[in-house]
Amino acid sequence: MKYLMLVCYDPADRPAPDDAAPDVEEWVREMDAKGIRITGNRTRPASDATTVRVRDRQVLLTDGPYAETREQMAGFDILECADLDEAVEVASRHPMAWAGMIEIRPFWPDDES
């Protein structure tokens, strides 16, 4: 099953480095080698975001992220995992799980509407 893994952090919350935390390049190499990580990338900061809405057939643009929240999306990965347990295990090993947060969402199966 495919999962979207959103990598989030609070830019105001800079915890002290944890020597036990994994290195992101190491995590990427390991997940790529196992065939778990399909793709992923960092995203530009929230200050570079543009939110698009259509209301009454008019396109409305807002500078910044779609939600007012302290946490910001820092990147994403698409994972191919056997089940949620495996996706949680993979996400828990990502460095930002140690300093930020990871949100995991399953994709809709192709045969479901």
PDB file of N, CA and C in Angstrom:
ATOM      1  N   MET A   1       0.853  -1.178   0.000  1.00  0.00           N
ATOM      2  CA  MET A   1       0.000   0.000   0.000  1.00  0.00           C
ATOM      3  C   MET A   1       0.892   1.232   0.000  1.00  0.00           C
ATOM      4  N   LYS A   2       0.454   2.253  -0.731  1.00  0.00           N
ATOM      5  CA  LYS A   2       1.214   3.501  -0.791  1.00  0.00           C
ATOM      6  C   LYS A   2       0.767   4.440   0.328  1.00  0.00           C
ATOM      7  N   TYR A   3       1.746   5.139   0.889  1.00  0.00           N
ATOM      8  CA  TYR A   3       1.507   6.123   1.948  1.00  0.00           C
ATOM      9  C   TYR A   3       2.214   7.419   1.596  1.00  0.00           C
ATOM     10  N   LEU A   4       1.544   8.527   1.882  1.00  0.00           N
ATOM     11  CA  LEU A   4       2.173   9.830   1.807  1.00  0.00           C
ATOM     12  C   LEU A   4       2.703  10.138   3.200  1.00  0.00           C
ATOM     13  N   MET A   5       3.955  10.468   3.273  1.00  0.00           N
ATOM     14  CA  MET A   5       4.582  10.807   4.538  1.00  0.00           C
ATOM     15  C   MET A   5       4.916  12.289   4.486  1.00  0.00           C
ATOM     16  N   LEU A   6       4.200  13.100   5.280  1.00  0.00           N
ATOM     17  CA  LEU A   6       4.476  14.527   5.363  1.00  0.00           C
ATOM     18  C   LEU A   6       5.451  14.777   6.501  1.00  0.00           C
ATOM     19  N   VAL A   7       6.519  15.456   6.194  1.00  0.00           N
ATOM     20  CA  VAL A   7       7.555  15.767   7.171  1.00  0.00           C
ATOM     21  C   VAL A   7       7.324  17.203   7.624  1.00  0.00           C
ATOM     22  N   CYS A   8       7.051  17.386   8.921  1.00  0.00           N
ATOM     23  CA  CYS A   8       6.692  18.705   9.447  1.00  0.00           C
ATOM     24  C   CYS A   8       7.586  19.081  10.621  1.00  0.00           C
ATOM     25  N   TYR A   9       7.683  20.394  10.838  1.00  0.00           N
ATOM     26  CA  TYR A   9       8.475  20.878  11.964  1.00  0.00           C
ATOM     27  C   TYR A   9       7.949  22.237  12.397  1.00  0.00           C
ATOM     28  N   ASP A  10       8.322  22.654  13.562  1.00  0.00           N
ATOM     29  CA  ASP A  10       7.996  23.974  14.070  1.00  0.00           C
ATOM     30  C   ASP A  10       9.296  24.775  14.043  1.00  0.00           C
ATOM     31  N   PRO A  11       9.409  25.780  13.159  1.00  0.00           N
ATOM     32  CA  PRO A  11      10.668  26.510  13.056  1.00  0.00           C
ATOM     33  C   PRO A  11      11.077  27.222  14.347  1.00  0.00           C
ATOM     34  N   ALA A  12      10.116  27.501  15.231  1.00  0.00           N
ATOM     35  CA  ALA A  12      10.443  28.160  16.496  1.00  0.00           C
ATOM     36  C   ALA A  12      10.972  27.168  17.532  1.00  0.00           C
ATOM     37  N   ASP A  13      10.752  25.891  17.299  1.00  0.00           N
ATOM     38  CA  ASP A  13      11.144  24.857  18.256  1.00  0.00           C
ATOM     39  C   ASP A  13      12.384  24.154  17.734  1.00  0.00           C
ATOM     40  N   ARG A  14      13.517  24.532  18.240  1.00  0.00           N
ATOM     41  CA  ARG A  14      14.779  23.924  17.826  1.00  0.00           C
ATOM     42  C   ARG A  14      15.338  23.101  18.993  1.00  0.00           C
ATOM     43  N   PRO A  15      14.957  21.819  19.056  1.00  0.00           N
ATOM     44  CA  PRO A  15      15.474  21.009  20.159  1.00  0.00           C
ATOM     45  C   PRO A  15      16.974  20.789  20.039  1.00  0.00           C
ATOM     46  N   ALA A  16      17.584  20.495  21.148  1.00  0.00           N
ATOM     47  CA  ALA A  16      19.017  20.206  21.153  1.00  0.00           C
ATOM     48  C   ALA A  16      19.287  18.972  20.303  1.00  0.00           C
ATOM     49  N   PRO A  17      20.401  18.969  19.583  1.00  0.00           N
ATOM     50  CA  PRO A  17      20.712  17.798  18.764  1.00  0.00           C
ATOM     51  C   PRO A  17      20.778  16.526  19.607  1.00  0.00           C
ATOM     52  N   ASP A  18      20.261  15.452  19.054  1.00  0.00           N
ATOM     53  CA  ASP A  18      20.275  14.146  19.712  1.00  0.00           C
ATOM     54  C   ASP A  18      21.234  13.264  18.926  1.00  0.00           C
ATOM     55  N   ASP A  19      22.334  12.873  19.552  1.00  0.00           N
ATOM     56  CA  ASP A  19      23.342  12.079  18.850  1.00  0.00           C
ATOM     57  C   ASP A  19      22.787  10.748  18.363  1.00  0.00           C
ATOM     58  N   ALA A  20      21.695  10.279  18.955  1.00  0.00           N
ATOM     59  CA  ALA A  20      21.109   9.004  18.540  1.00  0.00           C
ATOM     60  C   ALA A  20      20.189   9.158  17.330  1.00  0.00           C
ATOM     61  N   ALA A  21      19.833  10.407  16.987  1.00  0.00           N
ATOM     62  CA  ALA A  21      18.933  10.634  15.850  1.00  0.00           C
ATOM     63  C   ALA A  21      19.625  10.241  14.553  1.00  0.00           C
ATOM     64  N   PRO A  22      18.901   9.584  13.666  1.00  0.00           N
ATOM     65  CA  PRO A  22      19.502   9.167  12.396  1.00  0.00           C
ATOM     66  C   PRO A  22      19.771  10.354  11.483  1.00  0.00           C
ATOM     67  N   ASP A  23      20.640  10.164  10.519  1.00  0.00           N
ATOM     68  CA  ASP A  23      20.973  11.156   9.516  1.00  0.00           C
ATOM     69  C   ASP A  23      19.995  11.023   8.351  1.00  0.00           C
ATOM     70  N   VAL A  24      19.487  12.143   7.823  1.00  0.00           N
ATOM     71  CA  VAL A  24      18.470  12.078   6.781  1.00  0.00           C
ATOM     72  C   VAL A  24      18.999  11.421   5.507  1.00  0.00           C
ATOM     73  N   GLU A  25      20.236  11.704   5.125  1.00  0.00           N
ATOM     74  CA  GLU A  25      20.788  11.077   3.921  1.00  0.00           C
ATOM     75  C   GLU A  25      20.901   9.569   4.099  1.00  0.00           C
ATOM     76  N   GLU A  26      21.264   9.151   5.305  1.00  0.00           N
ATOM     77  CA  GLU A  26      21.326   7.714   5.624  1.00  0.00           C
ATOM     78  C   GLU A  26      19.946   7.070   5.505  1.00  0.00           C
ATOM     79  N   TRP A  27      18.930   7.754   6.057  1.00  0.00           N
ATOM     80  CA  TRP A  27      17.559   7.244   6.008  1.00  0.00           C
ATOM     81  C   TRP A  27      17.110   7.090   4.556  1.00  0.00           C
ATOM     82  N   VAL A  28      17.367   8.115   3.734  1.00  0.00           N
ATOM     83  CA  VAL A  28      16.977   8.076   2.317  1.00  0.00           C
ATOM     84  C   VAL A  28      17.667   6.916   1.614  1.00  0.00           C
ATOM     85  N   ARG A  29      18.971   6.772   1.793  1.00  0.00           N
ATOM     86  CA  ARG A  29      19.707   5.675   1.138  1.00  0.00           C
ATOM     87  C   ARG A  29      19.145   4.316   1.542  1.00  0.00           C
ATOM     88  N   GLU A  30      18.871   4.147   2.838  1.00  0.00           N
ATOM     89  CA  GLU A  30      18.362   2.866   3.325  1.00  0.00           C
ATOM     90  C   GLU A  30      16.976   2.560   2.754  1.00  0.00           C
ATOM     91  N   MET A  31      16.072   3.541   2.786  1.00  0.00           N
ATOM     92  CA  MET A  31      14.712   3.305   2.292  1.00  0.00           C
ATOM     93  C   MET A  31      14.694   3.125   0.775  1.00  0.00           C
ATOM     94  N   ASP A  32      15.556   3.853   0.061  1.00  0.00           N
ATOM     95  CA  ASP A  32      15.664   3.665  -1.389  1.00  0.00           C
ATOM     96  C   ASP A  32      16.187   2.257  -1.700  1.00  0.00           C
ATOM     97  N   ALA A  33      17.206   1.819  -0.972  1.00  0.00           N
ATOM     98  CA  ALA A  33      17.784   0.499  -1.201  1.00  0.00           C
ATOM     99  C   ALA A  33      16.781  -0.623  -0.938  1.00  0.00           C
ATOM    100  N   LYS A  34      15.894  -0.415   0.038  1.00  0.00           N
ATOM    101  CA  LYS A  34      14.883  -1.428   0.361  1.00  0.00           C
ATOM    102  C   LYS A  34      13.670  -1.357  -0.572  1.00  0.00           C
ATOM    103  N   GLY A  35      13.616  -0.330  -1.439  1.00  0.00           N
ATOM    104  CA  GLY A  35      12.484  -0.172  -2.342  1.00  0.00           C
ATOM    105  C   GLY A  35      11.237   0.359  -1.659  1.00  0.00           C
ATOM    106  N   ILE A  36      11.387   0.922  -0.469  1.00  0.00           N
ATOM    107  CA  ILE A  36      10.248   1.446   0.290  1.00  0.00           C
ATOM    108  C   ILE A  36       9.919   2.872  -0.136  1.00  0.00           C
ATOM    109  N   ARG A  37      10.938   3.682  -0.311  1.00  0.00           N
ATOM    110  CA  ARG A  37      10.742   5.096  -0.677  1.00  0.00           C
ATOM    111  C   ARG A  37      10.661   5.190  -2.192  1.00  0.00           C
ATOM    112  N   ILE A  38       9.495   5.616  -2.683  1.00  0.00           N
ATOM    113  CA  ILE A  38       9.290   5.742  -4.122  1.00  0.00           C
ATOM    114  C   ILE A  38       9.868   7.058  -4.624  1.00  0.00           C
ATOM    115  N   THR A  39       9.579   8.132  -3.905  1.00  0.00           N
ATOM    116  CA  THR A  39      10.115   9.455  -4.230  1.00  0.00           C
ATOM    117  C   THR A  39       9.959  10.332  -3.001  1.00  0.00           C
ATOM    118  N   GLY A  40      10.567  11.483  -3.040  1.00  0.00           N
ATOM    119  CA  GLY A  40      10.437  12.436  -1.950  1.00  0.00           C
ATOM    120  C   GLY A  40      11.328  13.626  -2.210  1.00  0.00           C
ATOM    121  N   ASN A  41      11.076  14.687  -1.463  1.00  0.00           N
ATOM    122  CA  ASN A  41      11.894  15.872  -1.613  1.00  0.00           C
ATOM    123  C   ASN A  41      11.585  16.844  -0.489  1.00  0.00           C
ATOM    124  N   ARG A  42      12.482  17.800  -0.307  1.00  0.00           N
ATOM    125  CA  ARG A  42      12.219  18.894   0.615  1.00  0.00           C
ATOM    126  C   ARG A  42      11.298  19.881  -0.086  1.00  0.00           C
ATOM    127  N   THR A  43      10.611  20.704   0.675  1.00  0.00           N
ATOM    128  CA  THR A  43       9.807  21.779   0.103  1.00  0.00           C
ATOM    129  C   THR A  43      10.373  23.115   0.554  1.00  0.00           C
ATOM    130  N   ARG A  44      10.096  24.135  -0.221  1.00  0.00           N
ATOM    131  CA  ARG A  44      10.520  25.486   0.142  1.00  0.00           C
ATOM    132  C   ARG A  44       9.754  25.893   1.410  1.00  0.00           C
ATOM    133  N   PRO A  45      10.214  26.914   2.117  1.00  0.00           N
ATOM    134  CA  PRO A  45       9.544  27.319   3.358  1.00  0.00           C
ATOM    135  C   PRO A  45       8.122  27.817   3.117  1.00  0.00           C
ATOM    136  N   ALA A  46       7.340  27.842   4.184  1.00  0.00           N
ATOM    137  CA  ALA A  46       5.940  28.276   4.106  1.00  0.00           C
ATOM    138  C   ALA A  46       5.812  29.684   3.547  1.00  0.00           C
ATOM    139  N   SER A  47       6.815  30.506   3.738  1.00  0.00           N
ATOM    140  CA  SER A  47       6.760  31.876   3.201  1.00  0.00           C
ATOM    141  C   SER A  47       6.722  31.878   1.676  1.00  0.00           C
ATOM    142  N   ASP A  48       7.125  30.784   1.034  1.00  0.00           N
ATOM    143  CA  ASP A  48       7.073  30.678  -0.427  1.00  0.00           C
ATOM    144  C   ASP A  48       5.802  29.995  -0.925  1.00  0.00           C
ATOM    145  N   ALA A  49       4.928  29.590  -0.016  1.00  0.00           N
ATOM    146  CA  ALA A  49       3.710  28.873  -0.403  1.00  0.00           C
ATOM    147  C   ALA A  49       2.674  29.831  -0.986  1.00  0.00           C
ATOM    148  N   THR A  50       1.834  29.299  -1.861  1.00  0.00           N
ATOM    149  CA  THR A  50       0.667  30.009  -2.386  1.00  0.00           C
ATOM    150  C   THR A  50      -0.523  29.079  -2.246  1.00  0.00           C
ATOM    151  N   THR A  51      -1.593  29.570  -1.647  1.00  0.00           N
ATOM    152  CA  THR A  51      -2.813  28.786  -1.490  1.00  0.00           C
ATOM    153  C   THR A  51      -3.797  29.212  -2.571  1.00  0.00           C
ATOM    154  N   VAL A  52      -4.388  28.221  -3.248  1.00  0.00           N
ATOM    155  CA  VAL A  52      -5.321  28.479  -4.348  1.00  0.00           C
ATOM    156  C   VAL A  52      -6.706  27.992  -3.937  1.00  0.00           C
ATOM    157  N   ARG A  53      -7.690  28.874  -4.067  1.00  0.00           N
ATOM    158  CA  ARG A  53      -9.091  28.525  -3.824  1.00  0.00           C
ATOM    159  C   ARG A  53      -9.913  29.071  -4.989  1.00  0.00           C
ATOM    160  N   VAL A  54     -11.000  28.396  -5.320  1.00  0.00           N
ATOM    161  CA  VAL A  54     -11.942  28.920  -6.305  1.00  0.00           C
ATOM    162  C   VAL A  54     -13.271  29.109  -5.586  1.00  0.00           C
ATOM    163  N   ARG A  55     -13.782  30.349  -5.599  1.00  0.00           N
ATOM    164  CA  ARG A  55     -15.054  30.690  -4.983  1.00  0.00           C
ATOM    165  C   ARG A  55     -15.846  31.505  -5.988  1.00  0.00           C
ATOM    166  N   ASP A  56     -17.089  31.106  -6.204  1.00  0.00           N
ATOM    167  CA  ASP A  56     -17.929  31.794  -7.186  1.00  0.00           C
ATOM    168  C   ASP A  56     -17.201  31.948  -8.522  1.00  0.00           C
ATOM    169  N   ARG A  57     -16.504  30.882  -8.916  1.00  0.00           N
ATOM    170  CA  ARG A  57     -15.776  30.810 -10.195  1.00  0.00           C
ATOM    171  C   ARG A  57     -14.600  31.777 -10.280  1.00  0.00           C
ATOM    172  N   GLN A  58     -14.222  32.360  -9.168  1.00  0.00           N
ATOM    173  CA  GLN A  58     -13.074  33.259  -9.133  1.00  0.00           C
ATOM    174  C   GLN A  58     -11.911  32.568  -8.427  1.00  0.00           C
ATOM    175  N   VAL A  59     -10.734  32.687  -9.017  1.00  0.00           N
ATOM    176  CA  VAL A  59      -9.532  32.117  -8.406  1.00  0.00           C
ATOM    177  C   VAL A  59      -9.021  33.102  -7.363  1.00  0.00           C
ATOM    178  N   LEU A  60      -8.906  32.611  -6.127  1.00  0.00           N
ATOM    179  CA  LEU A  60      -8.402  33.426  -5.021  1.00  0.00           C
ATOM    180  C   LEU A  60      -7.057  32.878  -4.588  1.00  0.00           C
ATOM    181  N   LEU A  61      -6.067  33.733  -4.541  1.00  0.00           N
ATOM    182  CA  LEU A  61      -4.724  33.335  -4.131  1.00  0.00           C
ATOM    183  C   LEU A  61      -4.389  33.979  -2.799  1.00  0.00           C
ATOM    184  N   THR A  62      -3.741  33.210  -1.964  1.00  0.00           N
ATOM    185  CA  THR A  62      -3.271  33.705  -0.672  1.00  0.00           C
ATOM    186  C   THR A  62      -1.807  33.338  -0.542  1.00  0.00           C
ATOM    187  N   ASP A  63      -0.998  34.308  -0.162  1.00  0.00           N
ATOM    188  CA  ASP A  63       0.407  34.005   0.108  1.00  0.00           C
ATOM    189  C   ASP A  63       0.478  33.239   1.411  1.00  0.00           C
ATOM    190  N   GLY A  64       1.251  32.178   1.409  1.00  0.00           N
ATOM    191  CA  GLY A  64       1.452  31.401   2.617  1.00  0.00           C
ATOM    192  C   GLY A  64       0.708  30.081   2.585  1.00  0.00           C
ATOM    193  N   PRO A  65       0.865  29.301   3.634  1.00  0.00           N
ATOM    194  CA  PRO A  65       0.270  27.961   3.688  1.00  0.00           C
ATOM    195  C   PRO A  65      -1.239  28.019   3.876  1.00  0.00           C
ATOM    196  N   TYR A  66      -1.888  26.898   3.648  1.00  0.00           N
ATOM    197  CA  TYR A  66      -3.350  26.819   3.715  1.00  0.00           C
ATOM    198  C   TYR A  66      -3.886  26.887   5.129  1.00  0.00           C
ATOM    199  N   ALA A  67      -3.085  26.564   6.128  1.00  0.00           N
ATOM    200  CA  ALA A  67      -3.574  26.509   7.509  1.00  0.00           C
ATOM    201  C   ALA A  67      -2.706  27.391   8.397  1.00  0.00           C
ATOM    202  N   GLU A  68      -3.346  28.031   9.339  1.00  0.00           N
ATOM    203  CA  GLU A  68      -2.611  28.806  10.341  1.00  0.00           C
ATOM    204  C   GLU A  68      -2.178  27.846  11.440  1.00  0.00           C
ATOM    205  N   THR A  69      -0.942  27.484  11.420  1.00  0.00           N
ATOM    206  CA  THR A  69      -0.420  26.536  12.394  1.00  0.00           C
ATOM    207  C   THR A  69       1.059  26.807  12.603  1.00  0.00           C
ATOM    208  N   ARG A  70       1.574  26.421  13.733  1.00  0.00           N
ATOM    209  CA  ARG A  70       3.002  26.610  13.980  1.00  0.00           C
ATOM    210  C   ARG A  70       3.828  25.642  13.155  1.00  0.00           C
ATOM    211  N   GLU A  71       3.319  24.413  13.006  1.00  0.00           N
ATOM    212  CA  GLU A  71       4.072  23.423  12.260  1.00  0.00           C
ATOM    213  C   GLU A  71       4.012  23.737  10.768  1.00  0.00           C
ATOM    214  N   GLN A  72       5.115  23.488  10.085  1.00  0.00           N
ATOM    215  CA  GLN A  72       5.186  23.721   8.655  1.00  0.00           C
ATOM    216  C   GLN A  72       5.670  22.456   7.962  1.00  0.00           C
ATOM    217  N   MET A  73       5.199  22.247   6.739  1.00  0.00           N
ATOM    218  CA  MET A  73       5.661  21.108   5.974  1.00  0.00           C
ATOM    219  C   MET A  73       7.077  21.393   5.479  1.00  0.00           C
ATOM    220  N   ALA A  74       7.974  20.462   5.733  1.00  0.00           N
ATOM    221  CA  ALA A  74       9.359  20.609   5.308  1.00  0.00           C
ATOM    222  C   ALA A  74       9.665  19.733   4.104  1.00  0.00           C
ATOM    223  N   GLY A  75       8.837  18.712   3.879  1.00  0.00           N
ATOM    224  CA  GLY A  75       9.072  17.823   2.758  1.00  0.00           C
ATOM    225  C   GLY A  75       8.066  16.694   2.764  1.00  0.00           C
ATOM    226  N   PHE A  76       8.264  15.767   1.843  1.00  0.00           N
ATOM    227  CA  PHE A  76       7.355  14.636   1.724  1.00  0.00           C
ATOM    228  C   PHE A  76       8.118  13.439   1.168  1.00  0.00           C
ATOM    229  N   ASP A  77       7.555  12.286   1.403  1.00  0.00           N
ATOM    230  CA  ASP A  77       8.029  11.049   0.790  1.00  0.00           C
ATOM    231  C   ASP A  77       6.811  10.209   0.468  1.00  0.00           C
ATOM    232  N   ILE A  78       6.887   9.454  -0.590  1.00  0.00           N
ATOM    233  CA  ILE A  78       5.863   8.471  -0.909  1.00  0.00           C
ATOM    234  C   ILE A  78       6.468   7.113  -0.643  1.00  0.00           C
ATOM    235  N   LEU A  79       5.798   6.346   0.194  1.00  0.00           N
ATOM    236  CA  LEU A  79       6.304   5.048   0.635  1.00  0.00           C
ATOM    237  C   LEU A  79       5.444   3.924   0.079  1.00  0.00           C
ATOM    238  N   GLU A  80       6.054   2.802  -0.150  1.00  0.00           N
ATOM    239  CA  GLU A  80       5.337   1.567  -0.490  1.00  0.00           C
ATOM    240  C   GLU A  80       5.598   0.612   0.659  1.00  0.00           C
ATOM    241  N   CYS A  81       4.572   0.369   1.471  1.00  0.00           N
ATOM    242  CA  CYS A  81       4.716  -0.468   2.664  1.00  0.00           C
ATOM    243  C   CYS A  81       3.643  -1.557   2.663  1.00  0.00           C
ATOM    244  N   ALA A  82       3.917  -2.631   3.352  1.00  0.00           N
ATOM    245  CA  ALA A  82       2.966  -3.739   3.443  1.00  0.00           C
ATOM    246  C   ALA A  82       1.696  -3.321   4.172  1.00  0.00           C
ATOM    247  N   ASP A  83       1.856  -2.466   5.197  1.00  0.00           N
ATOM    248  CA  ASP A  83       0.709  -2.070   6.010  1.00  0.00           C
ATOM    249  C   ASP A  83       1.084  -0.855   6.848  1.00  0.00           C
ATOM    250  N   LEU A  84       0.139  -0.372   7.641  1.00  0.00           N
ATOM    251  CA  LEU A  84       0.373   0.804   8.477  1.00  0.00           C
ATOM    252  C   LEU A  84       1.503   0.572   9.475  1.00  0.00           C
ATOM    253  N   ASP A  85       1.591  -0.635  10.015  1.00  0.00           N
ATOM    254  CA  ASP A  85       2.664  -0.920  10.980  1.00  0.00           C
ATOM    255  C   ASP A  85       4.034  -0.676  10.364  1.00  0.00           C
ATOM    256  N   GLU A  86       4.226  -1.137   9.131  1.00  0.00           N
ATOM    257  CA  GLU A  86       5.516  -0.921   8.470  1.00  0.00           C
ATOM    258  C   GLU A  86       5.729   0.565   8.188  1.00  0.00           C
ATOM    259  N   ALA A  87       4.687   1.275   7.763  1.00  0.00           N
ATOM    260  CA  ALA A  87       4.804   2.710   7.486  1.00  0.00           C
ATOM    261  C   ALA A  87       5.181   3.473   8.761  1.00  0.00           C
ATOM    262  N   VAL A  88       4.601   3.102   9.885  1.00  0.00           N
ATOM    263  CA  VAL A  88       4.926   3.739  11.163  1.00  0.00           C
ATOM    264  C   VAL A  88       6.382   3.461  11.528  1.00  0.00           C
ATOM    265  N   GLU A  89       6.832   2.245  11.340  1.00  0.00           N
ATOM    266  CA  GLU A  89       8.223   1.885  11.649  1.00  0.00           C
ATOM    267  C   GLU A  89       9.181   2.695  10.782  1.00  0.00           C
ATOM    268  N   VAL A  90       8.882   2.817   9.496  1.00  0.00           N
ATOM    269  CA  VAL A  90       9.719   3.593   8.572  1.00  0.00           C
ATOM    270  C   VAL A  90       9.728   5.066   8.991  1.00  0.00           C
ATOM    271  N   ALA A  91       8.563   5.631   9.262  1.00  0.00           N
ATOM    272  CA  ALA A  91       8.463   7.044   9.653  1.00  0.00           C
ATOM    273  C   ALA A  91       9.174   7.309  10.977  1.00  0.00           C
ATOM    274  N   SER A  92       9.099   6.372  11.901  1.00  0.00           N
ATOM    275  CA  SER A  92       9.734   6.578  13.213  1.00  0.00           C
ATOM    276  C   SER A  92      11.256   6.620  13.109  1.00  0.00           C
ATOM    277  N   ARG A  93      11.786   6.132  12.020  1.00  0.00           N
ATOM    278  CA  ARG A  93      13.238   6.148  11.827  1.00  0.00           C
ATOM    279  C   ARG A  93      13.715   7.387  11.082  1.00  0.00           C
ATOM    280  N   HIS A  94      12.763   8.218  10.594  1.00  0.00           N
ATOM    281  CA  HIS A  94      13.140   9.444   9.891  1.00  0.00           C
ATOM    282  C   HIS A  94      13.640  10.470  10.912  1.00  0.00           C
ATOM    283  N   PRO A  95      14.704  11.196  10.604  1.00  0.00           N
ATOM    284  CA  PRO A  95      15.255  12.159  11.565  1.00  0.00           C
ATOM    285  C   PRO A  95      14.258  13.202  12.058  1.00  0.00           C
ATOM    286  N   MET A  96      13.332  13.631  11.224  1.00  0.00           N
ATOM    287  CA  MET A  96      12.390  14.660  11.673  1.00  0.00           C
ATOM    288  C   MET A  96      11.365  14.125  12.666  1.00  0.00           C
ATOM    289  N   ALA A  97      11.239  12.827  12.781  1.00  0.00           N
ATOM    290  CA  ALA A  97      10.380  12.274  13.828  1.00  0.00           C
ATOM    291  C   ALA A  97      10.995  12.563  15.198  1.00  0.00           C
ATOM    292  N   TRP A  98      12.291  12.797  15.221  1.00  0.00           N
ATOM    293  CA  TRP A  98      13.015  13.068  16.465  1.00  0.00           C
ATOM    294  C   TRP A  98      12.970  14.543  16.846  1.00  0.00           C
ATOM    295  N   ALA A  99      12.746  15.433  15.852  1.00  0.00           N
ATOM    296  CA  ALA A  99      12.799  16.863  16.126  1.00  0.00           C
ATOM    297  C   ALA A  99      11.532  17.594  15.685  1.00  0.00           C
ATOM    298  N   GLY A 100      10.701  16.946  14.897  1.00  0.00           N
ATOM    299  CA  GLY A 100       9.468  17.561  14.402  1.00  0.00           C
ATOM    300  C   GLY A 100       8.344  16.559  14.523  1.00  0.00           C
ATOM    301  N   MET A 101       7.654  16.319  13.414  1.00  0.00           N
ATOM    302  CA  MET A 101       6.605  15.294  13.410  1.00  0.00           C
ATOM    303  C   MET A 101       6.440  14.769  11.994  1.00  0.00           C
ATOM    304  N   ILE A 102       5.941  13.566  11.912  1.00  0.00           N
ATOM    305  CA  ILE A 102       5.681  12.922  10.637  1.00  0.00           C
ATOM    306  C   ILE A 102       4.199  12.549  10.603  1.00  0.00           C
ATOM    307  N   GLU A 103       3.522  12.910   9.522  1.00  0.00           N
ATOM    308  CA  GLU A 103       2.142  12.492   9.322  1.00  0.00           C
ATOM    309  C   GLU A 103       2.130  11.480   8.192  1.00  0.00           C
ATOM    310  N   ILE A 104       1.441  10.373   8.406  1.00  0.00           N
ATOM    311  CA  ILE A 104       1.348   9.315   7.401  1.00  0.00           C
ATOM    312  C   ILE A 104      -0.109   9.203   6.971  1.00  0.00           C
ATOM    313  N   ARG A 105      -0.327   9.203   5.643  1.00  0.00           N
ATOM    314  CA  ARG A 105      -1.686   9.030   5.121  1.00  0.00           C
ATOM    315  C   ARG A 105      -1.660   8.003   3.999  1.00  0.00           C
ATOM    316  N   PRO A 106      -2.548   7.015   4.090  1.00  0.00           N
ATOM    317  CA  PRO A 106      -2.618   6.038   2.997  1.00  0.00           C
ATOM    318  C   PRO A 106      -3.271   6.663   1.768  1.00  0.00           C
ATOM    319  N   PHE A 107      -2.823   6.219   0.609  1.00  0.00           N
ATOM    320  CA  PHE A 107      -3.468   6.617  -0.640  1.00  0.00           C
ATOM    321  C   PHE A 107      -4.758   5.816  -0.771  1.00  0.00           C
ATOM    322  N   TRP A 108      -5.738   6.351  -1.503  1.00  0.00           N
ATOM    323  CA  TRP A 108      -6.919   5.564  -1.826  1.00  0.00           C
ATOM    324  C   TRP A 108      -6.474   4.449  -2.762  1.00  0.00           C
ATOM    325  N   PRO A 109      -6.906   3.225  -2.521  1.00  0.00           N
ATOM    326  CA  PRO A 109      -6.589   2.148  -3.492  1.00  0.00           C
ATOM    327  C   PRO A 109      -7.219   2.495  -4.845  1.00  0.00           C
ATOM    328  N   ASP A 110      -6.550   2.080  -5.925  1.00  0.00           N
ATOM    329  CA  ASP A 110      -7.035   2.387  -7.268  1.00  0.00           C
ATOM    330  C   ASP A 110      -8.424   1.820  -7.540  1.00  0.00           C
ATOM    331  N   ASP A 111      -8.772   0.722  -6.865  1.00  0.00           N
ATOM    332  CA  ASP A 111     -10.060   0.081  -7.133  1.00  0.00           C
ATOM    333  C   ASP A 111     -11.193   0.599  -6.244  1.00  0.00           C
ATOM    334  N   GLU A 112     -10.924   1.631  -5.415  1.00  0.00           N
ATOM    335  CA  GLU A 112     -11.962   2.235  -4.576  1.00  0.00           C
ATOM    336  C   GLU A 112     -12.250   3.647  -5.049  1.00  0.00           C
ATOM    337  N   SER A 113     -13.452   4.106  -4.826  1.00  0.00           N
ATOM    338  CA  SER A 113     -13.800   5.486  -5.190  1.00  0.00           C
ATOM    339  C   SER A 113     -13.891   6.339  -3.958  1.00  0.00           C
TER     340      SER A 113
END
